[in-house]
Amino acid sequence: MDQGHTQEQMQDREWADMDDWPRLSSPSKTNIPRWVPIIGPSQVLVLPNFFTAEDSKRMVDYILAHMKLQIDDKLDPTKPRTRPVPRPGYAYRDNDRISLDSEEFATMLWNKAGLRERWNELWMHPKTGLETVHGEGVMSKERNNKRLRHAVGLSRNIRFYRYQTGQSFGAHYDESVMDDQDGSVSEYTVLIYLNGERDSDLIGGETVFYPKGSKTSSSSAATSTKGAKKNARTASSNGTVEDSKRKRGKKEAGGNDDATAASSDQSGSGTGSLSYTLPNGGIAVKPDRGLLLVHKHGDECMLHEALTVQQGFKFVLRTDVVYEP
């Protein structure tokens, strides 16, 4: 997926005291965010303004405080940072990241912050739900391929990312992860952007998806952060196992193509342009404060990458939607 304890990259940092995270606001009962499909009815979707401006700021302050302790204070200011060199088959990434293993935080994000309600609405709404209208759903596999499985919450492995100017994350796939405690399986990646161009000096850092499975028209290959052969990897007890996987036997060199294209407003709700198409066929989603993005991972994951941050910082909260076994 997009993370793992590797020697050639800046490792994820973990800390033990989880009592100081910011408490999230309950969702508004009047200004309810609505899902906007970016690719397909259920492949890539966004939920604008999922986090309030206050929640986003508190979360950024929290990330900065812990990254100072876990990363910044351990760097030698007189020396340039070492540029990571990924192993063959690994996607290039150089952003800073820390993680926590917290069922309580995952529950707060799923329940109090309102994602459970929005997720159920996405699938179960009697007029617009994906199961109701499109027959979409996450199916059981070997045991009963006709039985729909339903979401039970979020992964307790919570990750925080900081991209500085010049940093990126190359093209990769996200792998599904099975929890070794309860057998639940992650099916969707969740990204919550904590800042954007409208509220900070950030330029760049778009998340780009490649519907054709390639960044170009050539049949070159997709890199992955782990090169895993299995479709799911059992999470360790601290929930930090996270891999990328190769799909359909293809490979593509990681890296960024920061070509620009005219934007197109897909929000339909006055939130401005949420995505646009690149000349190479990629669909770019712009970071925006409080924007929640979900996309399928595992067998149905689409090749994607985080483009280079051209200016400023980009802050992201990452977790997964997990489903019953």
Protein backbone atom coordinates (compact mmCIF):
# COMPACT_ATOMS: atom_id res chain seq x y z
CA MET A 1 0.00 0.00 0.00
CA ASP A 2 1.57 3.25 0.84
CA GLN A 3 3.54 2.47 3.92
CA GLY A 4 5.75 -0.05 5.64
CA HIS A 5 8.81 -0.28 7.82
CA THR A 6 11.57 -0.19 5.20
CA GLN A 7 15.23 0.66 5.65
CA GLU A 8 15.59 2.67 2.47
CA GLN A 9 12.71 5.07 3.27
CA MET A 10 11.90 7.33 6.21
CA GLN A 11 10.15 4.93 8.53
CA ASP A 12 6.76 5.46 10.08
CA ARG A 13 7.00 6.78 13.61
CA GLU A 14 4.77 5.49 16.37
CA TRP A 15 4.14 6.85 19.83
CA ALA A 16 2.60 5.24 22.87
CA ASP A 17 0.65 8.02 24.62
CA MET A 18 -2.61 8.40 22.72
CA ASP A 19 -4.55 10.44 25.26
CA ASP A 20 -3.82 13.86 23.77
CA TRP A 21 -5.36 13.65 20.29
CA PRO A 22 -7.82 16.39 19.37
CA ARG A 23 -11.49 15.60 19.83
CA LEU A 24 -13.51 15.82 16.63
CA SER A 25 -16.72 17.80 16.22
CA SER A 26 -20.05 16.13 15.68
CA PRO A 27 -21.39 16.69 12.15
CA SER A 28 -23.77 19.53 11.41
CA LYS A 29 -27.43 18.54 11.17
CA THR A 30 -28.17 21.28 8.64
CA ASN A 31 -25.09 21.57 6.41
CA ILE A 32 -24.68 17.89 5.49
CA PRO A 33 -21.85 17.07 3.03
CA ARG A 34 -22.75 15.02 -0.03
CA TRP A 35 -20.72 12.43 -1.89
CA VAL A 36 -19.28 13.40 -5.27
CA PRO A 37 -18.22 10.51 -7.55
CA ILE A 38 -14.90 11.16 -9.29
CA ILE A 39 -14.46 7.82 -11.10
CA GLY A 40 -17.33 5.38 -11.53
CA PRO A 41 -20.15 5.07 -9.05
CA SER A 42 -17.91 3.58 -6.37
CA GLN A 43 -14.26 3.55 -7.50
CA VAL A 44 -13.18 7.02 -6.30
CA LEU A 45 -15.45 9.39 -4.38
CA VAL A 46 -15.00 12.55 -2.33
CA LEU A 47 -16.95 14.12 0.50
CA PRO A 48 -16.29 17.89 0.68
CA ASN A 49 -16.10 19.62 4.07
CA PHE A 50 -16.14 16.40 6.06
CA PHE A 51 -13.82 18.01 8.61
CA THR A 52 -14.58 21.51 9.80
CA ALA A 53 -11.90 24.19 9.52
CA GLU A 54 -11.42 23.99 13.29
CA ASP A 55 -11.03 20.20 13.30
CA SER A 56 -8.55 20.39 10.42
CA LYS A 57 -6.45 23.02 12.20
CA ARG A 58 -6.43 21.10 15.46
CA MET A 59 -5.35 17.97 13.60
CA VAL A 60 -2.54 19.80 11.78
CA ASP A 61 -1.32 21.24 15.10
CA TYR A 62 -1.38 17.74 16.54
CA ILE A 63 0.62 16.33 13.62
CA LEU A 64 3.19 19.12 13.83
CA ALA A 65 3.68 18.63 17.56
CA HIS A 66 4.25 14.90 17.26
CA MET A 67 6.37 15.14 14.12
CA LYS A 68 8.59 17.62 15.93
CA LEU A 69 9.20 15.07 18.66
CA GLN A 70 9.38 11.99 16.47
CA ILE A 71 11.16 13.35 13.38
CA ASP A 72 12.27 16.99 13.34
CA ASP A 73 14.15 17.05 16.66
CA LYS A 74 16.13 13.99 15.57
CA LEU A 75 17.42 15.56 12.34
CA ASP A 76 20.76 17.32 12.10
CA PRO A 77 19.94 20.87 10.90
CA THR A 78 23.47 21.26 9.51
CA LYS A 79 23.05 18.36 7.09
CA PRO A 80 20.67 17.95 4.15
CA ARG A 81 18.08 15.23 4.47
CA THR A 82 19.05 11.98 2.82
CA ARG A 83 17.03 11.29 -0.32
CA PRO A 84 15.49 7.82 0.04
CA VAL A 85 16.37 5.21 -2.57
CA PRO A 86 13.57 2.64 -2.88
CA ARG A 87 14.33 -0.98 -3.54
CA PRO A 88 13.32 -2.43 -6.92
CA GLY A 89 9.57 -2.88 -7.05
CA TYR A 90 8.90 -0.24 -4.41
CA ALA A 91 7.17 3.07 -5.12
CA TYR A 92 9.28 6.11 -4.36
CA ARG A 93 8.13 8.24 -1.44
CA ASP A 94 9.85 10.78 0.73
CA ASN A 95 7.07 12.34 2.81
CA ASP A 96 7.14 12.22 6.61
CA ARG A 97 4.68 9.92 8.32
CA ILE A 98 3.74 8.77 11.79
CA SER A 99 1.12 6.29 12.89
CA LEU A 100 -0.95 5.39 15.89
CA ASP A 101 -2.83 2.23 16.73
CA SER A 102 -6.07 3.36 18.31
CA GLU A 103 -9.46 1.71 18.27
CA GLU A 104 -10.79 4.69 20.20
CA PHE A 105 -9.68 7.25 17.60
CA ALA A 106 -10.97 5.08 14.75
CA THR A 107 -14.33 4.79 16.52
CA MET A 108 -14.48 8.54 17.12
CA LEU A 109 -13.80 9.20 13.43
CA TRP A 110 -16.35 6.60 12.30
CA ASN A 111 -19.13 7.42 14.76
CA LYS A 112 -18.85 10.89 16.29
CA ALA A 113 -17.43 12.59 13.20
CA GLY A 114 -20.23 11.05 11.16
CA LEU A 115 -18.47 8.86 8.60
CA ARG A 116 -20.58 5.82 9.46
CA GLU A 117 -23.77 7.75 8.70
CA ARG A 118 -22.38 9.11 5.44
CA TRP A 119 -21.07 5.67 4.43
CA ASN A 120 -24.39 3.98 5.08
CA GLU A 121 -26.15 6.73 3.14
CA LEU A 122 -23.77 6.20 0.23
CA TRP A 123 -24.70 2.52 -0.06
CA MET A 124 -28.17 2.19 1.48
CA HIS A 125 -30.09 5.35 0.57
CA PRO A 126 -33.44 4.19 -0.89
CA LYS A 127 -33.18 6.49 -3.91
CA THR A 128 -29.46 7.07 -4.50
CA GLY A 129 -27.67 4.26 -2.61
CA LEU A 130 -25.11 2.31 -4.62
CA GLU A 131 -26.58 -1.03 -3.54
CA THR A 132 -30.13 0.17 -4.18
CA VAL A 133 -29.60 1.82 -7.56
CA HIS A 134 -26.51 0.21 -9.07
CA GLY A 135 -26.42 -3.15 -7.32
CA GLU A 136 -22.92 -2.25 -6.14
CA GLY A 137 -21.53 -3.90 -3.06
CA VAL A 138 -18.52 -5.61 -1.55
CA MET A 139 -19.02 -9.34 -2.07
CA SER A 140 -17.86 -12.34 -0.12
CA LYS A 141 -15.26 -14.28 -2.02
CA GLU A 142 -14.55 -17.99 -1.68
CA ARG A 143 -17.30 -18.89 0.77
CA ASN A 144 -20.35 -17.29 -0.84
CA ASN A 145 -19.89 -14.98 -3.79
CA LYS A 146 -23.53 -13.86 -3.63
CA ARG A 147 -23.44 -12.53 -0.09
CA LEU A 148 -22.87 -8.80 0.33
CA ARG A 149 -20.53 -7.81 3.12
CA HIS A 150 -20.99 -4.56 5.00
CA ALA A 151 -18.66 -2.04 6.58
CA VAL A 152 -18.06 -2.38 10.31
CA GLY A 153 -15.81 0.62 10.94
CA LEU A 154 -12.35 2.02 10.30
CA SER A 155 -8.92 0.50 10.68
CA ARG A 156 -7.41 1.19 14.08
CA ASN A 157 -4.13 1.94 12.28
CA ILE A 158 -4.29 5.73 11.87
CA ARG A 159 -1.58 7.40 9.79
CA PHE A 160 -0.60 11.04 9.45
CA TYR A 161 1.35 12.36 6.46
CA ARG A 162 3.29 15.57 5.94
CA TYR A 163 4.50 16.44 2.45
CA GLN A 164 7.00 19.28 2.24
CA THR A 165 7.96 21.22 -0.87
CA GLY A 166 9.50 18.81 -3.40
CA GLN A 167 8.09 15.65 -1.79
CA SER A 168 5.87 13.08 -3.50
CA PHE A 169 4.70 9.48 -3.51
CA GLY A 170 5.13 7.50 -6.74
CA ALA A 171 2.59 5.39 -8.59
CA HIS A 172 1.41 2.36 -6.62
CA TYR A 173 -1.51 0.17 -5.62
CA ASP A 174 -2.99 -0.14 -2.11
CA GLU A 175 -3.44 -3.65 -0.79
CA SER A 176 -6.29 -5.01 1.28
CA VAL A 177 -5.32 -5.94 4.85
CA MET A 178 -6.90 -8.57 7.07
CA ASP A 179 -7.00 -7.95 10.81
CA ASP A 180 -5.59 -10.90 12.71
CA GLN A 181 -7.81 -10.24 15.73
CA ASP A 182 -11.31 -10.18 14.27
CA GLY A 183 -10.84 -11.19 10.63
CA SER A 184 -12.18 -7.90 9.26
CA VAL A 185 -10.78 -6.88 5.89
CA SER A 186 -9.99 -3.39 4.61
CA GLU A 187 -11.66 -2.57 1.29
CA TYR A 188 -11.39 1.23 0.87
CA THR A 189 -8.58 3.70 1.43
CA VAL A 190 -9.62 6.85 3.32
CA LEU A 191 -7.68 10.11 2.88
CA ILE A 192 -8.69 13.30 4.69
CA TYR A 193 -6.89 16.40 3.44
CA LEU A 194 -6.24 18.81 6.28
CA ASN A 195 -5.25 21.82 4.17
CA GLY A 196 -5.39 23.05 0.60
CA GLU A 197 -4.67 25.97 -1.69
CA ARG A 198 -7.60 28.02 -0.42
CA ASP A 199 -6.44 28.13 3.21
CA SER A 200 -2.65 27.78 2.93
CA ASP A 201 0.28 28.40 0.59
CA LEU A 202 0.10 24.83 -0.75
CA ILE A 203 0.58 24.40 -4.48
CA GLY A 204 0.52 20.93 -6.05
CA GLY A 205 0.29 17.62 -4.24
CA GLU A 206 -2.72 16.32 -6.14
CA THR A 207 -3.72 12.67 -5.80
CA VAL A 208 -3.88 11.22 -9.32
CA PHE A 209 -5.67 8.05 -10.44
CA TYR A 210 -4.94 6.24 -13.72
CA PRO A 211 -8.08 4.44 -14.98
CA LYS A 212 -6.13 2.69 -17.76
CA GLY A 213 -3.64 1.23 -15.30
CA SER A 214 -0.74 3.18 -16.77
CA LYS A 215 0.59 6.74 -16.62
CA THR A 216 1.24 6.67 -20.35
CA SER A 217 -0.07 4.85 -23.39
CA SER A 218 2.83 2.41 -23.17
CA SER A 219 2.48 -0.94 -21.44
CA SER A 220 5.10 -0.08 -18.87
CA ALA A 221 4.85 -1.20 -15.30
CA ALA A 222 3.40 -0.06 -11.92
CA THR A 223 5.62 -0.05 -8.89
CA SER A 224 4.41 -0.94 -5.48
CA THR A 225 5.64 -0.23 -2.02
CA LYS A 226 5.72 -3.86 -1.06
CA GLY A 227 5.55 -6.07 -4.13
CA ALA A 228 3.28 -8.41 -2.25
CA LYS A 229 2.01 -11.55 -3.93
CA LYS A 230 -0.96 -12.15 -1.68
CA ASN A 231 -4.29 -10.37 -2.10
CA ALA A 232 -4.47 -9.63 1.60
CA ARG A 233 -1.86 -9.47 4.29
CA THR A 234 -2.66 -10.21 7.92
CA ALA A 235 -2.14 -7.15 10.08
CA SER A 236 0.17 -7.48 13.02
CA SER A 237 -1.22 -6.92 16.49
CA ASN A 238 -0.27 -3.23 16.35
CA GLY A 239 -2.00 -2.81 12.99
CA THR A 240 0.98 -1.34 11.15
CA VAL A 241 1.33 -3.75 8.26
CA GLU A 242 0.48 -1.86 5.07
CA ASP A 243 1.57 -2.82 1.57
CA SER A 244 1.31 -1.99 -2.09
CA LYS A 245 0.69 -4.80 -4.48
CA ARG A 246 1.36 -5.48 -8.08
CA LYS A 247 -1.78 -5.94 -10.18
CA ARG A 248 -2.46 -7.95 -13.28
CA GLY A 249 1.23 -8.67 -13.85
CA LYS A 250 1.96 -5.10 -14.97
CA LYS A 251 4.79 -2.84 -13.88
CA GLU A 252 5.24 0.85 -14.26
CA ALA A 253 8.08 3.05 -13.12
CA GLY A 254 7.15 5.20 -10.14
CA GLY A 255 7.56 8.95 -10.21
CA ASN A 256 5.53 12.01 -10.93
CA ASP A 257 4.15 13.62 -14.04
CA ASP A 258 3.08 17.09 -13.00
CA ALA A 259 1.45 18.04 -16.29
CA THR A 260 -1.49 20.38 -15.92
CA ALA A 261 -4.80 20.54 -17.69
CA ALA A 262 -7.92 22.67 -17.63
CA SER A 263 -10.00 21.91 -14.56
CA SER A 264 -13.61 20.85 -14.60
CA ASP A 265 -16.07 21.37 -11.77
CA GLN A 266 -17.47 17.98 -10.75
CA SER A 267 -18.85 19.03 -7.41
CA GLY A 268 -22.17 20.41 -8.54
CA SER A 269 -22.43 22.08 -5.15
CA GLY A 270 -20.48 25.30 -5.43
CA THR A 271 -17.37 23.85 -3.81
CA GLY A 272 -15.19 24.69 -6.79
CA SER A 273 -13.21 22.30 -8.95
CA LEU A 274 -12.51 19.02 -7.19
CA SER A 275 -10.77 17.16 -10.01
CA TYR A 276 -9.39 17.56 -13.50
CA THR A 277 -7.92 15.39 -16.24
CA LEU A 278 -4.20 15.33 -17.04
CA PRO A 279 -2.86 14.98 -20.59
CA ASN A 280 -1.63 11.47 -19.71
CA GLY A 281 -5.18 10.38 -18.84
CA GLY A 282 -4.82 10.64 -15.08
CA ILE A 283 -7.66 12.06 -12.99
CA ALA A 284 -6.23 14.50 -10.44
CA VAL A 285 -7.99 15.33 -7.17
CA LYS A 286 -6.90 18.58 -5.57
CA PRO A 287 -6.20 18.70 -1.83
CA ASP A 288 -8.79 20.84 -0.07
CA ARG A 289 -9.18 21.46 3.64
CA GLY A 290 -11.61 18.98 5.18
CA LEU A 291 -12.07 16.99 1.95
CA LEU A 292 -12.45 13.23 2.46
CA LEU A 293 -11.49 10.93 -0.41
CA VAL A 294 -12.19 7.20 -0.58
CA HIS A 295 -11.09 4.73 -3.22
CA LYS A 296 -11.22 0.99 -3.65
CA HIS A 297 -8.11 -0.97 -2.81
CA GLY A 298 -7.03 -4.59 -2.93
CA ASP A 299 -7.95 -6.44 -6.14
CA GLU A 300 -9.94 -3.46 -7.43
CA CYS A 301 -7.42 -0.76 -6.59
CA MET A 302 -6.59 1.75 -9.31
CA LEU A 303 -3.01 2.84 -9.96
CA HIS A 304 -2.49 6.19 -8.23
CA GLU A 305 0.15 8.56 -6.90
CA ALA A 306 0.64 11.80 -4.98
CA LEU A 307 2.16 14.48 -7.19
CA THR A 308 5.03 16.66 -6.04
CA VAL A 309 4.22 19.49 -3.65
CA GLN A 310 5.42 22.56 -5.53
CA GLN A 311 5.10 24.95 -2.59
CA GLY A 312 4.21 24.78 1.07
CA PHE A 313 3.08 21.73 3.02
CA LYS A 314 0.35 19.12 2.56
CA PHE A 315 -1.14 17.36 5.59
CA VAL A 316 -3.21 14.19 5.29
CA LEU A 317 -4.95 11.78 7.69
CA ARG A 318 -5.07 8.21 6.40
CA THR A 319 -7.05 5.13 7.42
CA ASP A 320 -9.21 2.40 5.80
CA VAL A 321 -12.85 1.33 5.77
CA VAL A 322 -12.99 -2.26 7.04
CA TYR A 323 -15.64 -4.86 6.28
CA GLU A 324 -16.94 -7.93 8.05
CA PRO A 325 -15.11 -11.19 7.20
